[in-house]
Amino acid sequence: MRNMRPTGQPAPFATAVKVALVEDSFRHEALFYNGEDGFLRGTLPFVREGLAIGEPTLVSVTTRRAALLRDALGADAERVRFVDMHEVGRNPARVIPAWRAFLLEHAQHPPGVRAIGEPVWPGRSAAELDECARHESLLNVAFSCGPAWRLLCPYDLDALDRDVIDDALLTHPALMHEGVSRRNGAYLPLEIAPGPFNGSLPPPRADHEQLLFTRLGLGALRKLISAHAEDAGMRPDTADELVLAVNELATNSVQYGGGGGTLRVWREPDAVVCEVRDRGFIRDPLVGRMAPPIEQYGGRGLWIVNQLCDLVQIRSAPSGTVVRVHVHARRPAVVATTG
């Protein structure tokens, strides 16, 4: 996403276009705010409006922001579902399934639903922020042809870098400002937006370990990952999840990526990073973000990987595909999933 950003982008609210928005479609809105007071001024009326017309409302933000909104809502907070975005959105690829589950739960609810989601918070790494921007763009793909509902995405202007705000401008068709939702003139429509797998990844650490594998080499691959996980001090259950995730990627390479591939693995300060390269080409922009039907045979590899890993990065072109996964060495014992 970031290498496609226009230069000289104007201030956020200068791009709003006063055109009526379509009411019977998915409305994906960005809210640019300053500090805690600005957060409440932008989100509280949105939630109260939904409650007033009987719309089921889900709020997935950071713990601190959720506490502010709960206090401001008072007794009405009991009518809102709160989900910790630190858990759901640690891997941004797990957020779309969470919204899908909420929509499915209320599919027969006449007024529709609304939600607030804040997957970007201060302190996220550059890799996480890039995947968040790709996630925001994919929301427009995932829900463009479905039922009408509203998703408000807050961005803290005081705490986030300008390039993060620029990404939000490119990926949100609407802007919420002073309680008014307007069409966003800076939004890149789906037909001209960069694909979710475009671009390249930064090179791995110089001290990475590399292994070429085929179907007959998957055992050695699993042993290598297990050794790196043990050296990183991972708990056994976390290590097992990393081994399973990378084995799924390698199996996909064997089946769909030319019979094998290349594994590279290295340590970051707080994580083990594994990368699988092969000659395959991924065409489905929502791969790994759609819960496979129980009766489906196969096709679960990237879904499983997204549920097990803390960050998943995919870059794919006709020349080949690379999938890079990050698993924190010291992550909490309970990992929330959103299937």
C-alpha atoms as a PDB file:
ATOM      1  CA  MET A   1       0.000   0.000   0.000  1.00  0.00           C
ATOM      2  CA  ARG A   2       2.549   2.563   1.073  1.00  0.00           C
ATOM      3  CA  ASN A   3       4.585   2.709  -2.091  1.00  0.00           C
ATOM      4  CA  MET A   4       1.353   3.652  -3.907  1.00  0.00           C
ATOM      5  CA  ARG A   5       0.484   6.660  -1.749  1.00  0.00           C
ATOM      6  CA  PRO A   6       0.054   9.951  -3.617  1.00  0.00           C
ATOM      7  CA  THR A   7       2.391  12.752  -2.617  1.00  0.00           C
ATOM      8  CA  GLY A   8       1.234  16.132  -1.386  1.00  0.00           C
ATOM      9  CA  GLN A   9      -1.951  14.712   0.196  1.00  0.00           C
ATOM     10  CA  PRO A  10      -4.126  17.514   1.636  1.00  0.00           C
ATOM     11  CA  ALA A  11      -5.379  17.644   5.210  1.00  0.00           C
ATOM     12  CA  PRO A  12      -7.835  14.836   6.051  1.00  0.00           C
ATOM     13  CA  PHE A  13     -11.087  16.803   6.077  1.00  0.00           C
ATOM     14  CA  ALA A  14     -10.235  18.846   2.968  1.00  0.00           C
ATOM     15  CA  THR A  15     -10.926  15.759   0.826  1.00  0.00           C
ATOM     16  CA  ALA A  16     -14.535  15.228   1.862  1.00  0.00           C
ATOM     17  CA  VAL A  17     -17.062  15.548  -0.944  1.00  0.00           C
ATOM     18  CA  LYS A  18     -20.608  16.580  -0.074  1.00  0.00           C
ATOM     19  CA  VAL A  19     -22.440  13.834  -1.944  1.00  0.00           C
ATOM     20  CA  ALA A  20     -25.223  11.717  -0.485  1.00  0.00           C
ATOM     21  CA  LEU A  21     -24.037   8.252   0.485  1.00  0.00           C
ATOM     22  CA  VAL A  22     -25.896   5.119  -0.556  1.00  0.00           C
ATOM     23  CA  GLU A  23     -27.873   3.896   2.447  1.00  0.00           C
ATOM     24  CA  ASP A  24     -28.436   0.280   1.356  1.00  0.00           C
ATOM     25  CA  SER A  25     -24.777  -0.682   1.048  1.00  0.00           C
ATOM     26  CA  PHE A  26     -21.717  -1.197   3.226  1.00  0.00           C
ATOM     27  CA  ARG A  27     -20.511   2.164   4.528  1.00  0.00           C
ATOM     28  CA  HIS A  28     -16.834   2.139   5.527  1.00  0.00           C
ATOM     29  CA  GLU A  29     -15.985   5.396   7.291  1.00  0.00           C
ATOM     30  CA  ALA A  30     -12.810   6.854   8.781  1.00  0.00           C
ATOM     31  CA  LEU A  31     -12.941   9.079  11.843  1.00  0.00           C
ATOM     32  CA  PHE A  32      -9.877  11.292  12.373  1.00  0.00           C
ATOM     33  CA  TYR A  33      -9.789  12.535  15.944  1.00  0.00           C
ATOM     34  CA  ASN A  34      -7.503  14.288  18.429  1.00  0.00           C
ATOM     35  CA  GLY A  35      -7.054  12.666  21.826  1.00  0.00           C
ATOM     36  CA  GLU A  36      -9.606  11.121  24.134  1.00  0.00           C
ATOM     37  CA  ASP A  37     -12.121  13.967  23.927  1.00  0.00           C
ATOM     38  CA  GLY A  38     -12.048  13.828  20.154  1.00  0.00           C
ATOM     39  CA  PHE A  39     -12.530  10.054  20.256  1.00  0.00           C
ATOM     40  CA  LEU A  40     -15.686  10.430  22.342  1.00  0.00           C
ATOM     41  CA  ARG A  41     -17.044  13.299  20.249  1.00  0.00           C
ATOM     42  CA  GLY A  42     -16.763  11.130  17.160  1.00  0.00           C
ATOM     43  CA  THR A  43     -17.827   7.712  18.464  1.00  0.00           C
ATOM     44  CA  LEU A  44     -20.409   8.422  21.158  1.00  0.00           C
ATOM     45  CA  PRO A  45     -23.073   9.951  18.827  1.00  0.00           C
ATOM     46  CA  PHE A  46     -22.469   7.114  16.347  1.00  0.00           C
ATOM     47  CA  VAL A  47     -23.162   4.482  19.006  1.00  0.00           C
ATOM     48  CA  ARG A  48     -26.121   6.327  20.510  1.00  0.00           C
ATOM     49  CA  GLU A  49     -27.698   6.781  17.090  1.00  0.00           C
ATOM     50  CA  GLY A  50     -27.452   3.058  16.461  1.00  0.00           C
ATOM     51  CA  LEU A  51     -28.974   2.196  19.826  1.00  0.00           C
ATOM     52  CA  ALA A  52     -31.803   4.691  19.247  1.00  0.00           C
ATOM     53  CA  ILE A  53     -32.880   2.948  16.038  1.00  0.00           C
ATOM     54  CA  GLY A  54     -32.337  -0.547  17.406  1.00  0.00           C
ATOM     55  CA  GLU A  55     -29.199  -1.528  15.488  1.00  0.00           C
ATOM     56  CA  PRO A  56     -26.994  -4.193  17.098  1.00  0.00           C
ATOM     57  CA  THR A  57     -23.656  -2.494  17.764  1.00  0.00           C
ATOM     58  CA  LEU A  58     -20.187  -3.969  18.221  1.00  0.00           C
ATOM     59  CA  VAL A  59     -17.193  -1.922  19.379  1.00  0.00           C
ATOM     60  CA  SER A  60     -13.707  -3.359  18.887  1.00  0.00           C
ATOM     61  CA  VAL A  61     -11.091  -0.871  20.086  1.00  0.00           C
ATOM     62  CA  THR A  62      -8.208  -0.842  22.557  1.00  0.00           C
ATOM     63  CA  THR A  63      -8.901  -1.433  26.242  1.00  0.00           C
ATOM     64  CA  ARG A  64      -8.414   2.230  27.157  1.00  0.00           C
ATOM     65  CA  ARG A  65     -10.735   3.504  24.423  1.00  0.00           C
ATOM     66  CA  ALA A  66     -13.369   0.920  25.353  1.00  0.00           C
ATOM     67  CA  ALA A  67     -13.299   2.068  28.989  1.00  0.00           C
ATOM     68  CA  LEU A  68     -13.833   5.686  27.913  1.00  0.00           C
ATOM     69  CA  LEU A  69     -16.812   4.765  25.771  1.00  0.00           C
ATOM     70  CA  ARG A  70     -18.331   2.533  28.446  1.00  0.00           C
ATOM     71  CA  ASP A  71     -18.137   5.311  31.022  1.00  0.00           C
ATOM     72  CA  ALA A  72     -19.697   7.838  28.636  1.00  0.00           C
ATOM     73  CA  LEU A  73     -22.548   5.478  27.698  1.00  0.00           C
ATOM     74  CA  GLY A  74     -23.443   4.671  31.279  1.00  0.00           C
ATOM     75  CA  ALA A  75     -26.225   2.100  31.515  1.00  0.00           C
ATOM     76  CA  ASP A  76     -26.481   1.971  27.706  1.00  0.00           C
ATOM     77  CA  ALA A  77     -23.070   0.275  27.606  1.00  0.00           C
ATOM     78  CA  GLU A  78     -24.835  -2.988  28.455  1.00  0.00           C
ATOM     79  CA  ARG A  79     -26.563  -2.821  25.064  1.00  0.00           C
ATOM     80  CA  VAL A  80     -23.245  -2.689  23.190  1.00  0.00           C
ATOM     81  CA  ARG A  81     -20.913  -5.618  22.568  1.00  0.00           C
ATOM     82  CA  PHE A  82     -17.278  -4.759  23.322  1.00  0.00           C
ATOM     83  CA  VAL A  83     -14.401  -6.825  21.940  1.00  0.00           C
ATOM     84  CA  ASP A  84     -10.734  -6.105  22.669  1.00  0.00           C
ATOM     85  CA  MET A  85      -9.037  -5.189  19.375  1.00  0.00           C
ATOM     86  CA  HIS A  86      -5.657  -6.071  20.884  1.00  0.00           C
ATOM     87  CA  GLU A  87      -6.836  -9.686  20.811  1.00  0.00           C
ATOM     88  CA  VAL A  88      -8.946  -9.785  17.648  1.00  0.00           C
ATOM     89  CA  GLY A  89      -6.724  -7.538  15.567  1.00  0.00           C
ATOM     90  CA  ARG A  90      -3.248  -8.532  16.639  1.00  0.00           C
ATOM     91  CA  ASN A  91      -3.177 -10.299  13.284  1.00  0.00           C
ATOM     92  CA  PRO A  92      -5.268  -7.968  11.062  1.00  0.00           C
ATOM     93  CA  ALA A  93      -6.275 -10.922   8.874  1.00  0.00           C
ATOM     94  CA  ARG A  94      -8.554 -12.125  11.693  1.00  0.00           C
ATOM     95  CA  VAL A  95     -10.706  -8.969  11.753  1.00  0.00           C
ATOM     96  CA  ILE A  96     -12.804  -9.563   8.625  1.00  0.00           C
ATOM     97  CA  PRO A  97     -13.937 -12.978   9.924  1.00  0.00           C
ATOM     98  CA  ALA A  98     -15.003 -11.280  13.186  1.00  0.00           C
ATOM     99  CA  TRP A  99     -17.167  -8.788  11.288  1.00  0.00           C
ATOM    100  CA  ARG A 100     -18.596 -11.589   9.140  1.00  0.00           C
ATOM    101  CA  ALA A 101     -19.567 -13.557  12.241  1.00  0.00           C
ATOM    102  CA  PHE A 102     -21.308 -10.501  13.713  1.00  0.00           C
ATOM    103  CA  LEU A 103     -23.231  -9.885  10.477  1.00  0.00           C
ATOM    104  CA  LEU A 104     -24.255 -13.525  10.244  1.00  0.00           C
ATOM    105  CA  GLU A 105     -25.485 -13.476  13.832  1.00  0.00           C
ATOM    106  CA  HIS A 106     -27.791 -10.548  13.024  1.00  0.00           C
ATOM    107  CA  ALA A 107     -28.620 -11.446   9.423  1.00  0.00           C
ATOM    108  CA  GLN A 108     -32.371 -11.321  10.081  1.00  0.00           C
ATOM    109  CA  HIS A 109     -32.253  -7.988  11.929  1.00  0.00           C
ATOM    110  CA  PRO A 110     -34.196  -5.451   9.799  1.00  0.00           C
ATOM    111  CA  PRO A 111     -32.463  -2.153  10.716  1.00  0.00           C
ATOM    112  CA  GLY A 112     -28.976  -3.541  10.005  1.00  0.00           C
ATOM    113  CA  VAL A 113     -25.924  -3.351  12.252  1.00  0.00           C
ATOM    114  CA  ARG A 114     -23.093  -0.951  12.946  1.00  0.00           C
ATOM    115  CA  ALA A 115     -19.614  -1.315  14.397  1.00  0.00           C
ATOM    116  CA  ILE A 116     -16.517   0.593  15.433  1.00  0.00           C
ATOM    117  CA  GLY A 117     -13.139  -0.959  14.678  1.00  0.00           C
ATOM    118  CA  GLU A 118      -9.722   0.531  15.490  1.00  0.00           C
ATOM    119  CA  PRO A 119      -7.049  -1.921  14.268  1.00  0.00           C
ATOM    120  CA  VAL A 120      -4.348   0.787  14.216  1.00  0.00           C
ATOM    121  CA  TRP A 121      -2.935   1.943  17.531  1.00  0.00           C
ATOM    122  CA  PRO A 122       0.353   3.609  18.589  1.00  0.00           C
ATOM    123  CA  GLY A 123       3.235   1.198  18.958  1.00  0.00           C
ATOM    124  CA  ARG A 124       2.357  -1.148  16.125  1.00  0.00           C
ATOM    125  CA  SER A 125       5.357  -2.147  14.024  1.00  0.00           C
ATOM    126  CA  ALA A 126       5.877  -0.990  10.449  1.00  0.00           C
ATOM    127  CA  ALA A 127       5.004  -4.489   9.218  1.00  0.00           C
ATOM    128  CA  GLU A 128       1.782  -4.513  11.246  1.00  0.00           C
ATOM    129  CA  LEU A 129       0.788  -1.050  10.025  1.00  0.00           C
ATOM    130  CA  ASP A 130       1.276  -2.075   6.420  1.00  0.00           C
ATOM    131  CA  GLU A 131      -0.920  -5.135   6.910  1.00  0.00           C
ATOM    132  CA  CYS A 132      -3.538  -2.971   8.641  1.00  0.00           C
ATOM    133  CA  ALA A 133      -3.675  -0.717   5.564  1.00  0.00           C
ATOM    134  CA  ARG A 134      -4.102  -3.752   3.324  1.00  0.00           C
ATOM    135  CA  HIS A 135      -6.816  -5.019   5.667  1.00  0.00           C
ATOM    136  CA  GLU A 136      -8.704  -1.713   5.460  1.00  0.00           C
ATOM    137  CA  SER A 137      -8.663  -1.953   1.665  1.00  0.00           C
ATOM    138  CA  LEU A 138      -9.818  -5.584   1.752  1.00  0.00           C
ATOM    139  CA  LEU A 139     -12.835  -4.611   3.853  1.00  0.00           C
ATOM    140  CA  ASN A 140     -14.182  -2.878   0.740  1.00  0.00           C
ATOM    141  CA  VAL A 141     -13.733  -6.108  -1.227  1.00  0.00           C
ATOM    142  CA  ALA A 142     -15.202  -8.368   1.446  1.00  0.00           C
ATOM    143  CA  PHE A 143     -18.431  -6.429   2.044  1.00  0.00           C
ATOM    144  CA  SER A 144     -19.084  -4.467  -1.154  1.00  0.00           C
ATOM    145  CA  CYS A 145     -21.813  -6.831  -2.375  1.00  0.00           C
ATOM    146  CA  GLY A 146     -23.337  -7.848   0.940  1.00  0.00           C
ATOM    147  CA  PRO A 147     -25.949  -6.416   3.299  1.00  0.00           C
ATOM    148  CA  ALA A 148     -26.008  -2.776   4.364  1.00  0.00           C
ATOM    149  CA  TRP A 149     -24.105  -1.967   7.539  1.00  0.00           C
ATOM    150  CA  ARG A 150     -21.789   0.728   8.876  1.00  0.00           C
ATOM    151  CA  LEU A 151     -18.211   0.410  10.090  1.00  0.00           C
ATOM    152  CA  LEU A 152     -16.500   3.428  11.677  1.00  0.00           C
ATOM    153  CA  CYS A 153     -12.693   3.269  11.923  1.00  0.00           C
ATOM    154  CA  PRO A 154     -11.131   5.826  14.327  1.00  0.00           C
ATOM    155  CA  TYR A 155      -7.587   7.177  13.752  1.00  0.00           C
ATOM    156  CA  ASP A 156      -5.814   9.267  16.427  1.00  0.00           C
ATOM    157  CA  LEU A 157      -4.177  12.249  14.711  1.00  0.00           C
ATOM    158  CA  ASP A 158      -2.148  13.057  17.834  1.00  0.00           C
ATOM    159  CA  ALA A 159      -0.561   9.613  18.122  1.00  0.00           C
ATOM    160  CA  LEU A 160      -0.194   8.248  14.576  1.00  0.00           C
ATOM    161  CA  ASP A 161       2.296   9.187  11.871  1.00  0.00           C
ATOM    162  CA  ARG A 162       1.119  11.076   8.817  1.00  0.00           C
ATOM    163  CA  ASP A 163       1.712   8.138   6.468  1.00  0.00           C
ATOM    164  CA  VAL A 164      -0.736   6.045   8.516  1.00  0.00           C
ATOM    165  CA  ILE A 165      -3.382   8.744   8.095  1.00  0.00           C
ATOM    166  CA  ASP A 166      -2.630   8.904   4.369  1.00  0.00           C
ATOM    167  CA  ASP A 167      -3.220   5.159   4.108  1.00  0.00           C
ATOM    168  CA  ALA A 168      -6.572   5.578   5.846  1.00  0.00           C
ATOM    169  CA  LEU A 169      -7.573   8.264   3.353  1.00  0.00           C
ATOM    170  CA  LEU A 170      -6.884   5.903   0.476  1.00  0.00           C
ATOM    171  CA  THR A 171      -8.866   2.990   1.925  1.00  0.00           C
ATOM    172  CA  HIS A 172     -12.061   4.552   3.350  1.00  0.00           C
ATOM    173  CA  PRO A 173     -14.834   5.582   0.925  1.00  0.00           C
ATOM    174  CA  ALA A 174     -16.385   7.899   3.546  1.00  0.00           C
ATOM    175  CA  LEU A 175     -15.205  10.280   6.272  1.00  0.00           C
ATOM    176  CA  MET A 176     -17.034  11.060   9.488  1.00  0.00           C
ATOM    177  CA  HIS A 177     -16.524  14.653  10.667  1.00  0.00           C
ATOM    178  CA  GLU A 178     -18.554  16.477  13.314  1.00  0.00           C
ATOM    179  CA  GLY A 179     -21.290  13.869  13.082  1.00  0.00           C
ATOM    180  CA  VAL A 180     -21.678  14.131   9.312  1.00  0.00           C
ATOM    181  CA  SER A 181     -20.699  11.290   6.972  1.00  0.00           C
ATOM    182  CA  ARG A 182     -19.431  12.415   3.570  1.00  0.00           C
ATOM    183  CA  ARG A 183     -17.909  10.772   0.562  1.00  0.00           C
ATOM    184  CA  ASN A 184     -14.104  10.823   0.646  1.00  0.00           C
ATOM    185  CA  GLY A 185     -12.567  12.297  -2.508  1.00  0.00           C
ATOM    186  CA  ALA A 186      -9.152  10.778  -1.727  1.00  0.00           C
ATOM    187  CA  TYR A 187     -10.440   7.199  -1.645  1.00  0.00           C
ATOM    188  CA  LEU A 188      -8.956   4.836  -4.239  1.00  0.00           C
ATOM    189  CA  PRO A 189     -11.806   2.785  -5.774  1.00  0.00           C
ATOM    190  CA  LEU A 190     -11.318  -0.953  -5.932  1.00  0.00           C
ATOM    191  CA  GLU A 191     -10.693  -0.937  -9.678  1.00  0.00           C
ATOM    192  CA  ILE A 192      -7.588   1.277  -9.289  1.00  0.00           C
ATOM    193  CA  ALA A 193      -6.447   0.411  -5.760  1.00  0.00           C
ATOM    194  CA  PRO A 194      -3.272  -1.693  -5.459  1.00  0.00           C
ATOM    195  CA  GLY A 195      -3.918  -5.395  -4.940  1.00  0.00           C
ATOM    196  CA  PRO A 196      -3.599  -6.833  -1.437  1.00  0.00           C
ATOM    197  CA  PHE A 197      -0.592  -8.954  -2.417  1.00  0.00           C
ATOM    198  CA  ASN A 198       1.259  -6.332  -4.473  1.00  0.00           C
ATOM    199  CA  GLY A 199       4.757  -5.180  -3.597  1.00  0.00           C
ATOM    200  CA  SER A 200       7.642  -6.874  -1.861  1.00  0.00           C
ATOM    201  CA  LEU A 201       8.814  -7.548   1.671  1.00  0.00           C
ATOM    202  CA  PRO A 202      11.971  -6.208   3.325  1.00  0.00           C
ATOM    203  CA  PRO A 203      14.906  -8.634   3.146  1.00  0.00           C
ATOM    204  CA  PRO A 204      15.341 -11.032   6.065  1.00  0.00           C
ATOM    205  CA  ARG A 205      18.072 -10.663   8.647  1.00  0.00           C
ATOM    206  CA  ALA A 206      21.527 -11.468   7.372  1.00  0.00           C
ATOM    207  CA  ASP A 207      21.865 -14.326   9.867  1.00  0.00           C
ATOM    208  CA  HIS A 208      18.722 -16.137   8.694  1.00  0.00           C
ATOM    209  CA  GLU A 209      18.744 -19.892   8.130  1.00  0.00           C
ATOM    210  CA  GLN A 210      17.558 -21.297   4.798  1.00  0.00           C
ATOM    211  CA  LEU A 211      16.209 -24.683   3.755  1.00  0.00           C
ATOM    212  CA  LEU A 212      15.067 -25.920   0.341  1.00  0.00           C
ATOM    213  CA  PHE A 213      12.246 -28.429   0.697  1.00  0.00           C
ATOM    214  CA  THR A 214      10.067 -30.841  -1.262  1.00  0.00           C
ATOM    215  CA  ARG A 215       7.426 -33.258  -0.062  1.00  0.00           C
ATOM    216  CA  LEU A 216      10.153 -35.533   1.274  1.00  0.00           C
ATOM    217  CA  GLY A 217      11.751 -32.709   3.277  1.00  0.00           C
ATOM    218  CA  LEU A 218       8.816 -31.619   5.438  1.00  0.00           C
ATOM    219  CA  GLY A 219      10.093 -33.558   8.445  1.00  0.00           C
ATOM    220  CA  ALA A 220      13.395 -31.675   8.391  1.00  0.00           C
ATOM    221  CA  LEU A 221      11.478 -28.412   8.006  1.00  0.00           C
ATOM    222  CA  ARG A 222       9.408 -29.116  11.111  1.00  0.00           C
ATOM    223  CA  LYS A 223      12.513 -29.989  13.128  1.00  0.00           C
ATOM    224  CA  LEU A 224      14.201 -26.741  12.096  1.00  0.00           C
ATOM    225  CA  ILE A 225      11.220 -24.617  13.121  1.00  0.00           C
ATOM    226  CA  SER A 226      10.893 -26.477  16.403  1.00  0.00           C
ATOM    227  CA  ALA A 227      14.562 -25.823  17.197  1.00  0.00           C
ATOM    228  CA  HIS A 228      14.216 -22.091  16.527  1.00  0.00           C
ATOM    229  CA  ALA A 229      11.078 -21.932  18.677  1.00  0.00           C
ATOM    230  CA  GLU A 230      12.844 -23.682  21.545  1.00  0.00           C
ATOM    231  CA  ASP A 231      15.865 -21.359  21.261  1.00  0.00           C
ATOM    232  CA  ALA A 232      13.490 -18.365  21.418  1.00  0.00           C
ATOM    233  CA  GLY A 233      12.040 -19.617  24.696  1.00  0.00           C
ATOM    234  CA  MET A 234       8.536 -20.236  23.350  1.00  0.00           C
ATOM    235  CA  ARG A 235       6.071 -22.195  25.441  1.00  0.00           C
ATOM    236  CA  PRO A 236       5.518 -25.687  24.000  1.00  0.00           C
ATOM    237  CA  ASP A 237       1.961 -24.907  22.858  1.00  0.00           C
ATOM    238  CA  THR A 238       3.068 -21.747  21.023  1.00  0.00           C
ATOM    239  CA  ALA A 239       5.967 -23.639  19.435  1.00  0.00           C
ATOM    240  CA  ASP A 240       3.594 -26.366  18.266  1.00  0.00           C
ATOM    241  CA  GLU A 241       1.350 -23.737  16.661  1.00  0.00           C
ATOM    242  CA  LEU A 242       4.294 -22.208  14.795  1.00  0.00           C
ATOM    243  CA  VAL A 243       5.411 -25.624  13.536  1.00  0.00           C
ATOM    244  CA  LEU A 244       1.869 -26.430  12.389  1.00  0.00           C
ATOM    245  CA  ALA A 245       1.485 -23.075  10.608  1.00  0.00           C
ATOM    246  CA  VAL A 246       4.751 -23.375   8.685  1.00  0.00           C
ATOM    247  CA  ASN A 247       4.016 -26.998   7.838  1.00  0.00           C
ATOM    248  CA  GLU A 248       0.675 -25.868   6.345  1.00  0.00           C
ATOM    249  CA  LEU A 249       2.485 -23.273   4.223  1.00  0.00           C
ATOM    250  CA  ALA A 250       5.063 -25.793   3.034  1.00  0.00           C
ATOM    251  CA  THR A 251       2.349 -28.333   2.221  1.00  0.00           C
ATOM    252  CA  ASN A 252       0.586 -25.682   0.129  1.00  0.00           C
ATOM    253  CA  SER A 253       3.883 -25.091  -1.694  1.00  0.00           C
ATOM    254  CA  VAL A 254       4.191 -28.795  -2.434  1.00  0.00           C
ATOM    255  CA  GLN A 255       0.610 -29.048  -3.690  1.00  0.00           C
ATOM    256  CA  TYR A 256       0.124 -25.717  -5.465  1.00  0.00           C
ATOM    257  CA  GLY A 257       3.493 -23.992  -5.680  1.00  0.00           C
ATOM    258  CA  GLY A 258       5.513 -26.218  -7.956  1.00  0.00           C
ATOM    259  CA  GLY A 259       6.275 -29.193  -5.731  1.00  0.00           C
ATOM    260  CA  GLY A 260       8.388 -27.434  -3.119  1.00  0.00           C
ATOM    261  CA  GLY A 261       9.867 -24.160  -2.041  1.00  0.00           C
ATOM    262  CA  THR A 262      12.331 -22.315   0.153  1.00  0.00           C
ATOM    263  CA  LEU A 263      12.041 -21.776   3.886  1.00  0.00           C
ATOM    264  CA  ARG A 264      13.888 -18.941   5.592  1.00  0.00           C
ATOM    265  CA  VAL A 265      13.729 -18.457   9.360  1.00  0.00           C
ATOM    266  CA  TRP A 266      15.230 -15.884  11.722  1.00  0.00           C
ATOM    267  CA  ARG A 267      14.766 -14.217  15.069  1.00  0.00           C
ATOM    268  CA  GLU A 268      13.449 -10.728  15.706  1.00  0.00           C
ATOM    269  CA  PRO A 269      13.747  -9.182  19.179  1.00  0.00           C
ATOM    270  CA  ASP A 270      10.305 -10.444  20.225  1.00  0.00           C
ATOM    271  CA  ALA A 271       9.364 -13.047  17.622  1.00  0.00           C
ATOM    272  CA  VAL A 272      10.376 -15.919  15.381  1.00  0.00           C
ATOM    273  CA  VAL A 273       9.822 -15.094  11.708  1.00  0.00           C
ATOM    274  CA  CYS A 274       9.416 -17.771   9.048  1.00  0.00           C
ATOM    275  CA  GLU A 275       9.116 -17.195   5.319  1.00  0.00           C
ATOM    276  CA  VAL A 276       8.035 -19.698   2.660  1.00  0.00           C
ATOM    277  CA  ARG A 277       8.646 -18.968  -1.030  1.00  0.00           C
ATOM    278  CA  ASP A 278       7.392 -20.978  -3.992  1.00  0.00           C
ATOM    279  CA  ARG A 279       6.354 -20.670  -7.645  1.00  0.00           C
ATOM    280  CA  GLY A 280       2.607 -20.458  -6.992  1.00  0.00           C
ATOM    281  CA  PHE A 281       0.334 -17.476  -7.646  1.00  0.00           C
ATOM    282  CA  ILE A 282      -2.538 -16.461  -5.335  1.00  0.00           C
ATOM    283  CA  ARG A 283      -5.520 -14.897  -7.113  1.00  0.00           C
ATOM    284  CA  ASP A 284      -8.154 -14.806  -4.364  1.00  0.00           C
ATOM    285  CA  PRO A 285      -7.775 -11.492  -2.471  1.00  0.00           C
ATOM    286  CA  LEU A 286      -9.637 -12.872   0.559  1.00  0.00           C
ATOM    287  CA  VAL A 287      -7.711 -16.129   0.856  1.00  0.00           C
ATOM    288  CA  GLY A 288      -7.311 -17.111   4.487  1.00  0.00           C
ATOM    289  CA  ARG A 289      -9.953 -14.592   5.633  1.00  0.00           C
ATOM    290  CA  MET A 290     -13.058 -16.646   4.865  1.00  0.00           C
ATOM    291  CA  ALA A 291     -13.959 -19.412   7.322  1.00  0.00           C
ATOM    292  CA  PRO A 292     -14.082 -22.629   5.260  1.00  0.00           C
ATOM    293  CA  PRO A 293     -17.319 -24.637   5.494  1.00  0.00           C
ATOM    294  CA  ILE A 294     -17.109 -27.621   7.821  1.00  0.00           C
ATOM    295  CA  GLU A 295     -17.856 -29.993   4.959  1.00  0.00           C
ATOM    296  CA  GLN A 296     -15.137 -28.512   2.715  1.00  0.00           C
ATOM    297  CA  TYR A 297     -12.237 -30.818   1.938  1.00  0.00           C
ATOM    298  CA  GLY A 298      -8.906 -29.024   1.770  1.00  0.00           C
ATOM    299  CA  GLY A 299      -8.336 -25.329   1.168  1.00  0.00           C
ATOM    300  CA  ARG A 300      -7.832 -24.550   4.867  1.00  0.00           C
ATOM    301  CA  GLY A 301      -4.084 -23.892   4.918  1.00  0.00           C
ATOM    302  CA  LEU A 302      -3.958 -20.084   5.035  1.00  0.00           C
ATOM    303  CA  TRP A 303      -7.046 -19.939   7.253  1.00  0.00           C
ATOM    304  CA  ILE A 304      -5.239 -22.113   9.813  1.00  0.00           C
ATOM    305  CA  VAL A 305      -2.080 -20.033   9.466  1.00  0.00           C
ATOM    306  CA  ASN A 306      -3.991 -16.816  10.175  1.00  0.00           C
ATOM    307  CA  GLN A 307      -5.541 -18.312  13.299  1.00  0.00           C
ATOM    308  CA  LEU A 308      -2.187 -19.481  14.672  1.00  0.00           C
ATOM    309  CA  CYS A 309       0.168 -16.593  13.854  1.00  0.00           C
ATOM    310  CA  ASP A 310       0.466 -13.068  15.220  1.00  0.00           C
ATOM    311  CA  LEU A 311       1.096 -11.536  11.792  1.00  0.00           C
ATOM    312  CA  VAL A 312       0.850 -12.962   8.275  1.00  0.00           C
ATOM    313  CA  GLN A 313       2.243 -11.151   5.224  1.00  0.00           C
ATOM    314  CA  ILE A 314       1.505 -12.377   1.698  1.00  0.00           C
ATOM    315  CA  ARG A 315       3.046 -11.059  -1.499  1.00  0.00           C
ATOM    316  CA  SER A 316       2.167 -12.807  -4.742  1.00  0.00           C
ATOM    317  CA  ALA A 317       2.747 -12.294  -8.460  1.00  0.00           C
ATOM    318  CA  PRO A 318       2.804 -14.571 -11.519  1.00  0.00           C
ATOM    319  CA  SER A 319       6.517 -15.120 -10.811  1.00  0.00           C
ATOM    320  CA  GLY A 320       5.835 -16.606  -7.362  1.00  0.00           C
ATOM    321  CA  THR A 321       4.520 -16.168  -3.845  1.00  0.00           C
ATOM    322  CA  VAL A 322       6.083 -15.428  -0.479  1.00  0.00           C
ATOM    323  CA  VAL A 323       4.273 -15.842   2.840  1.00  0.00           C
ATOM    324  CA  ARG A 324       5.980 -14.508   5.955  1.00  0.00           C
ATOM    325  CA  VAL A 325       4.621 -15.317   9.411  1.00  0.00           C
ATOM    326  CA  HIS A 326       5.525 -13.836  12.787  1.00  0.00           C
ATOM    327  CA  VAL A 327       4.892 -15.523  16.139  1.00  0.00           C
ATOM    328  CA  HIS A 328       5.711 -13.697  19.360  1.00  0.00           C
ATOM    329  CA  ALA A 329       7.986 -15.654  21.639  1.00  0.00           C
ATOM    330  CA  ARG A 330       6.272 -14.320  24.804  1.00  0.00           C
ATOM    331  CA  ARG A 331       2.649 -13.907  23.775  1.00  0.00           C
ATOM    332  CA  PRO A 332      -0.199 -14.403  26.282  1.00  0.00           C
ATOM    333  CA  ALA A 333      -1.216 -17.949  27.130  1.00  0.00           C
ATOM    334  CA  VAL A 334      -4.764 -17.511  25.784  1.00  0.00           C
ATOM    335  CA  VAL A 335      -4.995 -16.575  22.100  1.00  0.00           C
ATOM    336  CA  ALA A 336      -8.374 -15.288  20.895  1.00  0.00           C
ATOM    337  CA  THR A 337      -9.552 -16.440  17.460  1.00  0.00           C
ATOM    338  CA  THR A 338     -12.462 -15.166  15.430  1.00  0.00           C
ATOM    339  CA  GLY A 339     -13.580 -18.051  13.291  1.00  0.00           C
END
